Amino acid sequence: MECVFCNKIVHINGKVGRQDTCPHCGRDLRCCKQCKFYSKDAYNECKEVMAERIIEKERANFCDYFVPRGSKGGGGNYNRTKEAMAALESLFKKKESK
């Protein structure tokens, strides 16, 4: 990932922990500004609508939706879009008549 504070590349093995810091500038890596969902234009500055509001965007937090900025993966071990679509399909699925 690229640190948004110093713009240097940080190599991460596994998940980014709450206490992980940038080896170049020492800033927190698991904070809103380092997350792919962070956006100044979004409500609460977060594109993830299910995330709780976090006031200090530059400090480490426990957000369950954190995904490192620049990552191609999702936020966890599951695909939330597919999960949501499956739930909608089952909700509107026609009952088979026998």
PDB file of N, CA and C in Angstrom:
ATOM      1  N   MET A   1       0.844  -1.185   0.000  1.00  0.00           N
ATOM      2  CA  MET A   1       0.000   0.000   0.000  1.00  0.00           C
ATOM      3  C   MET A   1       0.884   1.242   0.000  1.00  0.00           C
ATOM      4  N   GLU A   2       0.282   2.350  -0.387  1.00  0.00           N
ATOM      5  CA  GLU A   2       1.004   3.620  -0.379  1.00  0.00           C
ATOM      6  C   GLU A   2       0.472   4.466   0.763  1.00  0.00           C
ATOM      7  N   CYS A   3       1.359   4.930   1.622  1.00  0.00           N
ATOM      8  CA  CYS A   3       0.966   5.765   2.761  1.00  0.00           C
ATOM      9  C   CYS A   3       0.457   7.111   2.232  1.00  0.00           C
ATOM     10  N   VAL A   4      -0.732   7.512   2.676  1.00  0.00           N
ATOM     11  CA  VAL A   4      -1.293   8.787   2.207  1.00  0.00           C
ATOM     12  C   VAL A   4      -0.609   9.992   2.843  1.00  0.00           C
ATOM     13  N   PHE A   5       0.135   9.777   3.913  1.00  0.00           N
ATOM     14  CA  PHE A   5       0.788  10.885   4.600  1.00  0.00           C
ATOM     15  C   PHE A   5       2.161  11.217   4.010  1.00  0.00           C
ATOM     16  N   CYS A   6       2.939  10.165   3.639  1.00  0.00           N
ATOM     17  CA  CYS A   6       4.280  10.416   3.109  1.00  0.00           C
ATOM     18  C   CYS A   6       4.448   9.952   1.663  1.00  0.00           C
ATOM     19  N   ASN A   7       3.399   9.299   1.115  1.00  0.00           N
ATOM     20  CA  ASN A   7       3.391   8.817  -0.275  1.00  0.00           C
ATOM     21  C   ASN A   7       4.471   7.778  -0.582  1.00  0.00           C
ATOM     22  N   LYS A   8       4.937   7.069   0.435  1.00  0.00           N
ATOM     23  CA  LYS A   8       5.927   6.016   0.210  1.00  0.00           C
ATOM     24  C   LYS A   8       5.237   4.657   0.275  1.00  0.00           C
ATOM     25  N   ILE A   9       5.794   3.691  -0.419  1.00  0.00           N
ATOM     26  CA  ILE A   9       5.234   2.344  -0.467  1.00  0.00           C
ATOM     27  C   ILE A   9       5.530   1.609   0.840  1.00  0.00           C
ATOM     28  N   VAL A  10       4.494   0.965   1.377  1.00  0.00           N
ATOM     29  CA  VAL A  10       4.613   0.174   2.599  1.00  0.00           C
ATOM     30  C   VAL A  10       4.203  -1.247   2.248  1.00  0.00           C
ATOM     31  N   HIS A  11       5.082  -2.203   2.502  1.00  0.00           N
ATOM     32  CA  HIS A  11       4.785  -3.605   2.216  1.00  0.00           C
ATOM     33  C   HIS A  11       4.130  -4.232   3.445  1.00  0.00           C
ATOM     34  N   ILE A  12       2.948  -4.793   3.245  1.00  0.00           N
ATOM     35  CA  ILE A  12       2.167  -5.387   4.321  1.00  0.00           C
ATOM     36  C   ILE A  12       2.003  -6.878   4.066  1.00  0.00           C
ATOM     37  N   ASN A  13       2.264  -7.693   5.066  1.00  0.00           N
ATOM     38  CA  ASN A  13       1.999  -9.128   4.995  1.00  0.00           C
ATOM     39  C   ASN A  13       0.792  -9.414   5.874  1.00  0.00           C
ATOM     40  N   GLY A  14      -0.306  -9.853   5.271  1.00  0.00           N
ATOM     41  CA  GLY A  14      -1.522 -10.112   6.036  1.00  0.00           C
ATOM     42  C   GLY A  14      -2.340  -8.851   6.223  1.00  0.00           C
ATOM     43  N   LYS A  15      -3.155  -8.860   7.273  1.00  0.00           N
ATOM     44  CA  LYS A  15      -4.036  -7.719   7.539  1.00  0.00           C
ATOM     45  C   LYS A  15      -3.282  -6.595   8.240  1.00  0.00           C
ATOM     46  N   VAL A  16      -3.774  -5.385   8.053  1.00  0.00           N
ATOM     47  CA  VAL A  16      -3.206  -4.219   8.714  1.00  0.00           C
ATOM     48  C   VAL A  16      -3.806  -4.163  10.116  1.00  0.00           C
ATOM     49  N   GLY A  17      -2.954  -4.188  11.114  1.00  0.00           N
ATOM     50  CA  GLY A  17      -3.405  -4.142  12.506  1.00  0.00           C
ATOM     51  C   GLY A  17      -3.566  -2.729  13.011  1.00  0.00           C
ATOM     52  N   ARG A  18      -4.294  -2.586  14.102  1.00  0.00           N
ATOM     53  CA  ARG A  18      -4.562  -1.261  14.669  1.00  0.00           C
ATOM     54  C   ARG A  18      -3.282  -0.544  15.106  1.00  0.00           C
ATOM     55  N   GLN A  19      -2.276  -1.291  15.510  1.00  0.00           N
ATOM     56  CA  GLN A  19      -1.046  -0.669  15.994  1.00  0.00           C
ATOM     57  C   GLN A  19       0.036  -0.569  14.920  1.00  0.00           C
ATOM     58  N   ASP A  20      -0.263  -0.982  13.694  1.00  0.00           N
ATOM     59  CA  ASP A  20       0.720  -0.888  12.610  1.00  0.00           C
ATOM     60  C   ASP A  20       0.919   0.569  12.197  1.00  0.00           C
ATOM     61  N   THR A  21       2.168   0.920  11.986  1.00  0.00           N
ATOM     62  CA  THR A  21       2.497   2.286  11.571  1.00  0.00           C
ATOM     63  C   THR A  21       3.387   2.248  10.336  1.00  0.00           C
ATOM     64  N   CYS A  22       3.421   3.351   9.632  1.00  0.00           N
ATOM     65  CA  CYS A  22       4.266   3.483   8.454  1.00  0.00           C
ATOM     66  C   CYS A  22       5.732   3.495   8.908  1.00  0.00           C
ATOM     67  N   PRO A  23       6.567   2.635   8.311  1.00  0.00           N
ATOM     68  CA  PRO A  23       7.985   2.623   8.713  1.00  0.00           C
ATOM     69  C   PRO A  23       8.741   3.884   8.288  1.00  0.00           C
ATOM     70  N   HIS A  24       8.163   4.672   7.399  1.00  0.00           N
ATOM     71  CA  HIS A  24       8.830   5.877   6.900  1.00  0.00           C
ATOM     72  C   HIS A  24       8.475   7.127   7.704  1.00  0.00           C
ATOM     73  N   CYS A  25       7.171   7.309   7.994  1.00  0.00           N
ATOM     74  CA  CYS A  25       6.745   8.536   8.686  1.00  0.00           C
ATOM     75  C   CYS A  25       6.180   8.283  10.086  1.00  0.00           C
ATOM     76  N   GLY A  26       5.912   7.014  10.416  1.00  0.00           N
ATOM     77  CA  GLY A  26       5.417   6.683  11.753  1.00  0.00           C
ATOM     78  C   GLY A  26       3.929   6.911  11.973  1.00  0.00           C
ATOM     79  N   ARG A  27       3.180   7.271  10.944  1.00  0.00           N
ATOM     80  CA  ARG A  27       1.741   7.518  11.082  1.00  0.00           C
ATOM     81  C   ARG A  27       0.975   6.198  11.072  1.00  0.00           C
ATOM     82  N   ASP A  28      -0.230   6.209  11.643  1.00  0.00           N
ATOM     83  CA  ASP A  28      -1.072   5.016  11.707  1.00  0.00           C
ATOM     84  C   ASP A  28      -1.459   4.546  10.305  1.00  0.00           C
ATOM     85  N   LEU A  29      -1.386   3.221  10.092  1.00  0.00           N
ATOM     86  CA  LEU A  29      -1.786   2.656   8.801  1.00  0.00           C
ATOM     87  C   LEU A  29      -3.263   2.292   8.780  1.00  0.00           C
ATOM     88  N   ARG A  30      -3.820   1.872   9.935  1.00  0.00           N
ATOM     89  CA  ARG A  30      -5.226   1.472   9.976  1.00  0.00           C
ATOM     90  C   ARG A  30      -6.065   2.661  10.453  1.00  0.00           C
ATOM     91  N   CYS A  31      -6.201   3.625   9.580  1.00  0.00           N
ATOM     92  CA  CYS A  31      -7.018   4.799   9.875  1.00  0.00           C
ATOM     93  C   CYS A  31      -7.854   5.122   8.641  1.00  0.00           C
ATOM     94  N   CYS A  32      -8.840   5.957   8.812  1.00  0.00           N
ATOM     95  CA  CYS A  32      -9.772   6.272   7.722  1.00  0.00           C
ATOM     96  C   CYS A  32      -9.068   6.781   6.467  1.00  0.00           C
ATOM     97  N   LYS A  33      -8.112   7.658   6.632  1.00  0.00           N
ATOM     98  CA  LYS A  33      -7.454   8.247   5.464  1.00  0.00           C
ATOM     99  C   LYS A  33      -6.632   7.227   4.682  1.00  0.00           C
ATOM    100  N   GLN A  34      -6.312   6.089   5.283  1.00  0.00           N
ATOM    101  CA  GLN A  34      -5.565   5.035   4.594  1.00  0.00           C
ATOM    102  C   GLN A  34      -6.511   3.999   3.981  1.00  0.00           C
ATOM    103  N   CYS A  35      -7.817   4.162   4.148  1.00  0.00           N
ATOM    104  CA  CYS A  35      -8.814   3.185   3.707  1.00  0.00           C
ATOM    105  C   CYS A  35      -9.365   3.521   2.320  1.00  0.00           C
ATOM    106  N   LYS A  36      -9.672   2.482   1.544  1.00  0.00           N
ATOM    107  CA  LYS A  36     -10.205   2.700   0.194  1.00  0.00           C
ATOM    108  C   LYS A  36     -11.611   3.301   0.219  1.00  0.00           C
ATOM    109  N   PHE A  37     -12.318   3.212   1.338  1.00  0.00           N
ATOM    110  CA  PHE A  37     -13.669   3.766   1.429  1.00  0.00           C
ATOM    111  C   PHE A  37     -13.676   5.244   1.837  1.00  0.00           C
ATOM    112  N   TYR A  38     -12.526   5.796   2.210  1.00  0.00           N
ATOM    113  CA  TYR A  38     -12.460   7.197   2.622  1.00  0.00           C
ATOM    114  C   TYR A  38     -12.699   8.111   1.427  1.00  0.00           C
ATOM    115  N   SER A  39     -13.575   9.097   1.627  1.00  0.00           N
ATOM    116  CA  SER A  39     -13.846  10.093   0.594  1.00  0.00           C
ATOM    117  C   SER A  39     -14.370  11.360   1.247  1.00  0.00           C
ATOM    118  N   LYS A  40     -13.770  12.481   0.945  1.00  0.00           N
ATOM    119  CA  LYS A  40     -14.240  13.754   1.490  1.00  0.00           C
ATOM    120  C   LYS A  40     -15.658  14.076   1.037  1.00  0.00           C
ATOM    121  N   ASP A  41     -16.058  13.549  -0.114  1.00  0.00           N
ATOM    122  CA  ASP A  41     -17.367  13.857  -0.684  1.00  0.00           C
ATOM    123  C   ASP A  41     -18.494  12.986  -0.134  1.00  0.00           C
ATOM    124  N   ALA A  42     -18.170  11.925   0.578  1.00  0.00           N
ATOM    125  CA  ALA A  42     -19.186  10.999   1.085  1.00  0.00           C
ATOM    126  C   ALA A  42     -19.691  11.429   2.466  1.00  0.00           C
ATOM    127  N   TYR A  43     -20.889  10.945   2.814  1.00  0.00           N
ATOM    128  CA  TYR A  43     -21.451  11.186   4.143  1.00  0.00           C
ATOM    129  C   TYR A  43     -20.496  10.617   5.181  1.00  0.00           C
ATOM    130  N   ASN A  44     -20.163  11.373   6.218  1.00  0.00           N
ATOM    131  CA  ASN A  44     -19.187  10.999   7.244  1.00  0.00           C
ATOM    132  C   ASN A  44     -17.811  10.691   6.659  1.00  0.00           C
ATOM    133  N   GLU A  45     -17.573  11.157   5.429  1.00  0.00           N
ATOM    134  CA  GLU A  45     -16.313  10.951   4.719  1.00  0.00           C
ATOM    135  C   GLU A  45     -15.985   9.468   4.516  1.00  0.00           C
ATOM    136  N   CYS A  46     -17.045   8.639   4.363  1.00  0.00           N
ATOM    137  CA  CYS A  46     -16.862   7.201   4.160  1.00  0.00           C
ATOM    138  C   CYS A  46     -17.890   6.684   3.158  1.00  0.00           C
ATOM    139  N   LYS A  47     -17.420   5.974   2.133  1.00  0.00           N
ATOM    140  CA  LYS A  47     -18.313   5.415   1.118  1.00  0.00           C
ATOM    141  C   LYS A  47     -19.019   4.157   1.614  1.00  0.00           C
ATOM    142  N   GLU A  48     -18.529   3.554   2.697  1.00  0.00           N
ATOM    143  CA  GLU A  48     -19.159   2.357   3.261  1.00  0.00           C
ATOM    144  C   GLU A  48     -20.293   2.816   4.166  1.00  0.00           C
ATOM    145  N   VAL A  49     -21.526   2.592   3.738  1.00  0.00           N
ATOM    146  CA  VAL A  49     -22.691   3.107   4.453  1.00  0.00           C
ATOM    147  C   VAL A  49     -22.955   2.405   5.783  1.00  0.00           C
ATOM    148  N   MET A  50     -22.433   1.205   5.957  1.00  0.00           N
ATOM    149  CA  MET A  50     -22.668   0.461   7.192  1.00  0.00           C
ATOM    150  C   MET A  50     -21.639   0.786   8.287  1.00  0.00           C
ATOM    151  N   ALA A  51     -20.581   1.486   7.941  1.00  0.00           N
ATOM    152  CA  ALA A  51     -19.519   1.789   8.905  1.00  0.00           C
ATOM    153  C   ALA A  51     -19.998   2.815   9.932  1.00  0.00           C
ATOM    154  N   GLU A  52     -19.530   2.649  11.160  1.00  0.00           N
ATOM    155  CA  GLU A  52     -19.845   3.617  12.216  1.00  0.00           C
ATOM    156  C   GLU A  52     -19.055   4.896  11.976  1.00  0.00           C
ATOM    157  N   ARG A  53     -19.585   6.004  12.470  1.00  0.00           N
ATOM    158  CA  ARG A  53     -18.922   7.293  12.293  1.00  0.00           C
ATOM    159  C   ARG A  53     -17.651   7.342  13.132  1.00  0.00           C
ATOM    160  N   ILE A  54     -16.577   7.787  12.503  1.00  0.00           N
ATOM    161  CA  ILE A  54     -15.300   7.965  13.185  1.00  0.00           C
ATOM    162  C   ILE A  54     -14.887   9.411  12.987  1.00  0.00           C
ATOM    163  N   ILE A  55     -14.642  10.092  14.091  1.00  0.00           N
ATOM    164  CA  ILE A  55     -14.340  11.522  14.049  1.00  0.00           C
ATOM    165  C   ILE A  55     -12.896  11.789  13.597  1.00  0.00           C
ATOM    166  N   GLU A  56     -11.942  11.115  14.228  1.00  0.00           N
ATOM    167  CA  GLU A  56     -10.529  11.367  13.943  1.00  0.00           C
ATOM    168  C   GLU A  56     -10.066  10.465  12.805  1.00  0.00           C
ATOM    169  N   LYS A  57     -10.055  10.986  11.612  1.00  0.00           N
ATOM    170  CA  LYS A  57      -9.768  10.223  10.400  1.00  0.00           C
ATOM    171  C   LYS A  57      -8.300   9.857  10.234  1.00  0.00           C
ATOM    172  N   GLU A  58      -7.404  10.502  10.984  1.00  0.00           N
ATOM    173  CA  GLU A  58      -5.972  10.244  10.836  1.00  0.00           C
ATOM    174  C   GLU A  58      -5.406   9.359  11.940  1.00  0.00           C
ATOM    175  N   ARG A  59      -6.274   8.876  12.848  1.00  0.00           N
ATOM    176  CA  ARG A  59      -5.810   8.039  13.957  1.00  0.00           C
ATOM    177  C   ARG A  59      -6.328   6.623  13.814  1.00  0.00           C
ATOM    178  N   ALA A  60      -5.603   5.670  14.383  1.00  0.00           N
ATOM    179  CA  ALA A  60      -5.966   4.255  14.308  1.00  0.00           C
ATOM    180  C   ALA A  60      -7.349   4.020  14.909  1.00  0.00           C
ATOM    181  N   ASN A  61      -8.085   3.049  14.324  1.00  0.00           N
ATOM    182  CA  ASN A  61      -9.417   2.731  14.817  1.00  0.00           C
ATOM    183  C   ASN A  61      -9.712   1.247  14.621  1.00  0.00           C
ATOM    184  N   PHE A  62     -10.891   0.830  15.056  1.00  0.00           N
ATOM    185  CA  PHE A  62     -11.285  -0.577  14.996  1.00  0.00           C
ATOM    186  C   PHE A  62     -12.343  -0.845  13.928  1.00  0.00           C
ATOM    187  N   CYS A  63     -12.461  -0.020  12.908  1.00  0.00           N
ATOM    188  CA  CYS A  63     -13.494  -0.175  11.895  1.00  0.00           C
ATOM    189  C   CYS A  63     -13.412  -1.554  11.229  1.00  0.00           C
ATOM    190  N   ASP A  64     -14.541  -2.258  11.193  1.00  0.00           N
ATOM    191  CA  ASP A  64     -14.605  -3.587  10.598  1.00  0.00           C
ATOM    192  C   ASP A  64     -14.544  -3.557   9.072  1.00  0.00           C
ATOM    193  N   TYR A  65     -14.761  -2.400   8.479  1.00  0.00           N
ATOM    194  CA  TYR A  65     -14.815  -2.283   7.018  1.00  0.00           C
ATOM    195  C   TYR A  65     -13.514  -1.780   6.406  1.00  0.00           C
ATOM    196  N   PHE A  66     -12.471  -1.653   7.208  1.00  0.00           N
ATOM    197  CA  PHE A  66     -11.195  -1.118   6.715  1.00  0.00           C
ATOM    198  C   PHE A  66     -10.608  -2.010   5.623  1.00  0.00           C
ATOM    199  N   VAL A  67     -10.259  -1.378   4.500  1.00  0.00           N
ATOM    200  CA  VAL A  67      -9.548  -2.032   3.395  1.00  0.00           C
ATOM    201  C   VAL A  67      -8.451  -1.047   2.986  1.00  0.00           C
ATOM    202  N   PRO A  68      -7.189  -1.490   2.945  1.00  0.00           N
ATOM    203  CA  PRO A  68      -6.115  -0.560   2.585  1.00  0.00           C
ATOM    204  C   PRO A  68      -6.364   0.107   1.230  1.00  0.00           C
ATOM    205  N   ARG A  69      -6.117   1.396   1.169  1.00  0.00           N
ATOM    206  CA  ARG A  69      -6.282   2.164  -0.071  1.00  0.00           C
ATOM    207  C   ARG A  69      -5.406   1.547  -1.149  1.00  0.00           C
ATOM    208  N   GLY A  70      -5.966   1.374  -2.329  1.00  0.00           N
ATOM    209  CA  GLY A  70      -5.235   0.781  -3.435  1.00  0.00           C
ATOM    210  C   GLY A  70      -5.401  -0.723  -3.517  1.00  0.00           C
ATOM    211  N   SER A  71      -6.041  -1.309  -2.513  1.00  0.00           N
ATOM    212  CA  SER A  71      -6.265  -2.753  -2.511  1.00  0.00           C
ATOM    213  C   SER A  71      -7.337  -3.113  -3.520  1.00  0.00           C
ATOM    214  N   LYS A  72      -7.189  -4.270  -4.157  1.00  0.00           N
ATOM    215  CA  LYS A  72      -8.183  -4.734  -5.113  1.00  0.00           C
ATOM    216  C   LYS A  72      -9.200  -5.637  -4.450  1.00  0.00           C
ATOM    217  N   GLY A  73      -8.923  -6.050  -3.233  1.00  0.00           N
ATOM    218  CA  GLY A  73      -9.805  -6.980  -2.525  1.00  0.00           C
ATOM    219  C   GLY A  73     -10.913  -6.285  -1.779  1.00  0.00           C
ATOM    220  N   GLY A  74     -11.795  -7.086  -1.198  1.00  0.00           N
ATOM    221  CA  GLY A  74     -12.900  -6.575  -0.396  1.00  0.00           C
ATOM    222  C   GLY A  74     -12.472  -6.394   1.039  1.00  0.00           C
ATOM    223  N   GLY A  75     -13.428  -6.126   1.909  1.00  0.00           N
ATOM    224  CA  GLY A  75     -13.135  -5.867   3.299  1.00  0.00           C
ATOM    225  C   GLY A  75     -13.015  -7.086   4.174  1.00  0.00           C
ATOM    226  N   GLY A  76     -13.326  -8.283   3.683  1.00  0.00           N
ATOM    227  CA  GLY A  76     -13.254  -9.455   4.534  1.00  0.00           C
ATOM    228  C   GLY A  76     -13.119 -10.715   3.729  1.00  0.00           C
ATOM    229  N   ASN A  77     -13.492 -11.841   4.350  1.00  0.00           N
ATOM    230  CA  ASN A  77     -13.377 -13.135   3.689  1.00  0.00           C
ATOM    231  C   ASN A  77     -14.598 -13.466   2.860  1.00  0.00           C
ATOM    232  N   TYR A  78     -15.467 -12.547   2.648  1.00  0.00           N
ATOM    233  CA  TYR A  78     -16.683 -12.785   1.896  1.00  0.00           C
ATOM    234  C   TYR A  78     -16.917 -11.645   0.921  1.00  0.00           C
ATOM    235  N   ASN A  79     -17.759 -11.885  -0.056  1.00  0.00           N
ATOM    236  CA  ASN A  79     -18.074 -10.857  -1.036  1.00  0.00           C
ATOM    237  C   ASN A  79     -19.446 -10.296  -0.684  1.00  0.00           C
ATOM    238  N   ARG A  80     -19.503  -9.100  -0.155  1.00  0.00           N
ATOM    239  CA  ARG A  80     -20.754  -8.516   0.337  1.00  0.00           C
ATOM    240  C   ARG A  80     -21.746  -8.249  -0.777  1.00  0.00           C
ATOM    241  N   THR A  81     -21.267  -7.940  -1.973  1.00  0.00           N
ATOM    242  CA  THR A  81     -22.184  -7.688  -3.085  1.00  0.00           C
ATOM    243  C   THR A  81     -22.935  -8.959  -3.437  1.00  0.00           C
ATOM    244  N   LYS A  82     -22.216 -10.069  -3.549  1.00  0.00           N
ATOM    245  CA  LYS A  82     -22.864 -11.346  -3.854  1.00  0.00           C
ATOM    246  C   LYS A  82     -23.812 -11.756  -2.742  1.00  0.00           C
ATOM    247  N   GLU A  83     -23.415 -11.518  -1.515  1.00  0.00           N
ATOM    248  CA  GLU A  83     -24.260 -11.850  -0.362  1.00  0.00           C
ATOM    249  C   GLU A  83     -25.554 -11.037  -0.393  1.00  0.00           C
ATOM    250  N   ALA A  84     -25.470  -9.763  -0.707  1.00  0.00           N
ATOM    251  CA  ALA A  84     -26.648  -8.903  -0.786  1.00  0.00           C
ATOM    252  C   ALA A  84     -27.566  -9.319  -1.928  1.00  0.00           C
ATOM    253  N   MET A  85     -26.965  -9.651  -3.071  1.00  0.00           N
ATOM    254  CA  MET A  85     -27.769 -10.097  -4.213  1.00  0.00           C
ATOM    255  C   MET A  85     -28.507 -11.400  -3.897  1.00  0.00           C
ATOM    256  N   ALA A  86     -27.830 -12.320  -3.226  1.00  0.00           N
ATOM    257  CA  ALA A  86     -28.460 -13.597  -2.861  1.00  0.00           C
ATOM    258  C   ALA A  86     -29.626 -13.364  -1.912  1.00  0.00           C
ATOM    259  N   ALA A  87     -29.465 -12.436  -0.983  1.00  0.00           N
ATOM    260  CA  ALA A  87     -30.544 -12.119  -0.041  1.00  0.00           C
ATOM    261  C   ALA A  87     -31.736 -11.509  -0.774  1.00  0.00           C
ATOM    262  N   LEU A  88     -31.475 -10.624  -1.707  1.00  0.00           N
ATOM    263  CA  LEU A  88     -32.561 -10.013  -2.482  1.00  0.00           C
ATOM    264  C   LEU A  88     -33.273 -11.043  -3.354  1.00  0.00           C
ATOM    265  N   GLU A  89     -32.491 -11.910  -3.992  1.00  0.00           N
ATOM    266  CA  GLU A  89     -33.094 -12.940  -4.835  1.00  0.00           C
ATOM    267  C   GLU A  89     -33.976 -13.878  -4.026  1.00  0.00           C
ATOM    268  N   SER A  90     -33.523 -14.250  -2.840  1.00  0.00           N
ATOM    269  CA  SER A  90     -34.331 -15.153  -2.013  1.00  0.00           C
ATOM    270  C   SER A  90     -35.587 -14.441  -1.508  1.00  0.00           C
ATOM    271  N   LEU A  91     -35.508 -13.149  -1.298  1.00  0.00           N
ATOM    272  CA  LEU A  91     -36.650 -12.370  -0.826  1.00  0.00           C
ATOM    273  C   LEU A  91     -37.727 -12.292  -1.898  1.00  0.00           C
ATOM    274  N   PHE A  92     -37.314 -12.100  -3.144  1.00  0.00           N
ATOM    275  CA  PHE A  92     -38.263 -11.923  -4.230  1.00  0.00           C
ATOM    276  C   PHE A  92     -38.471 -13.173  -5.092  1.00  0.00           C
ATOM    277  N   LYS A  93     -37.911 -14.266  -4.638  1.00  0.00           N
ATOM    278  CA  LYS A  93     -38.017 -15.523  -5.387  1.00  0.00           C
ATOM    279  C   LYS A  93     -39.465 -16.009  -5.392  1.00  0.00           C
ATOM    280  N   LYS A  94     -39.926 -16.411  -6.560  1.00  0.00           N
ATOM    281  CA  LYS A  94     -41.279 -16.921  -6.680  1.00  0.00           C
ATOM    282  C   LYS A  94     -41.361 -18.301  -6.043  1.00  0.00           C
ATOM    283  N   LYS A  95     -42.423 -18.529  -5.311  1.00  0.00           N
ATOM    284  CA  LYS A  95     -42.627 -19.825  -4.708  1.00  0.00           C
ATOM    285  C   LYS A  95     -43.106 -20.796  -5.773  1.00  0.00           C
ATOM    286  N   GLU A  96     -42.490 -21.971  -5.779  1.00  0.00           N
ATOM    287  CA  GLU A  96     -42.885 -22.999  -6.755  1.00  0.00           C
ATOM    288  C   GLU A  96     -44.197 -23.641  -6.328  1.00  0.00           C
ATOM    289  N   SER A  97     -45.106 -23.777  -7.270  1.00  0.00           N
ATOM    290  CA  SER A  97     -46.397 -24.409  -6.957  1.00  0.00           C
ATOM    291  C   SER A  97     -46.314 -25.890  -7.259  1.00  0.00           C
ATOM    292  N   LYS A  98     -46.914 -26.709  -6.395  1.00  0.00           N
ATOM    293  CA  LYS A  98     -46.866 -28.161  -6.573  1.00  0.00           C
ATOM    294  C   LYS A  98     -48.200 -28.697  -6.962  1.00  0.00           C
TER     295      LYS A  98
END
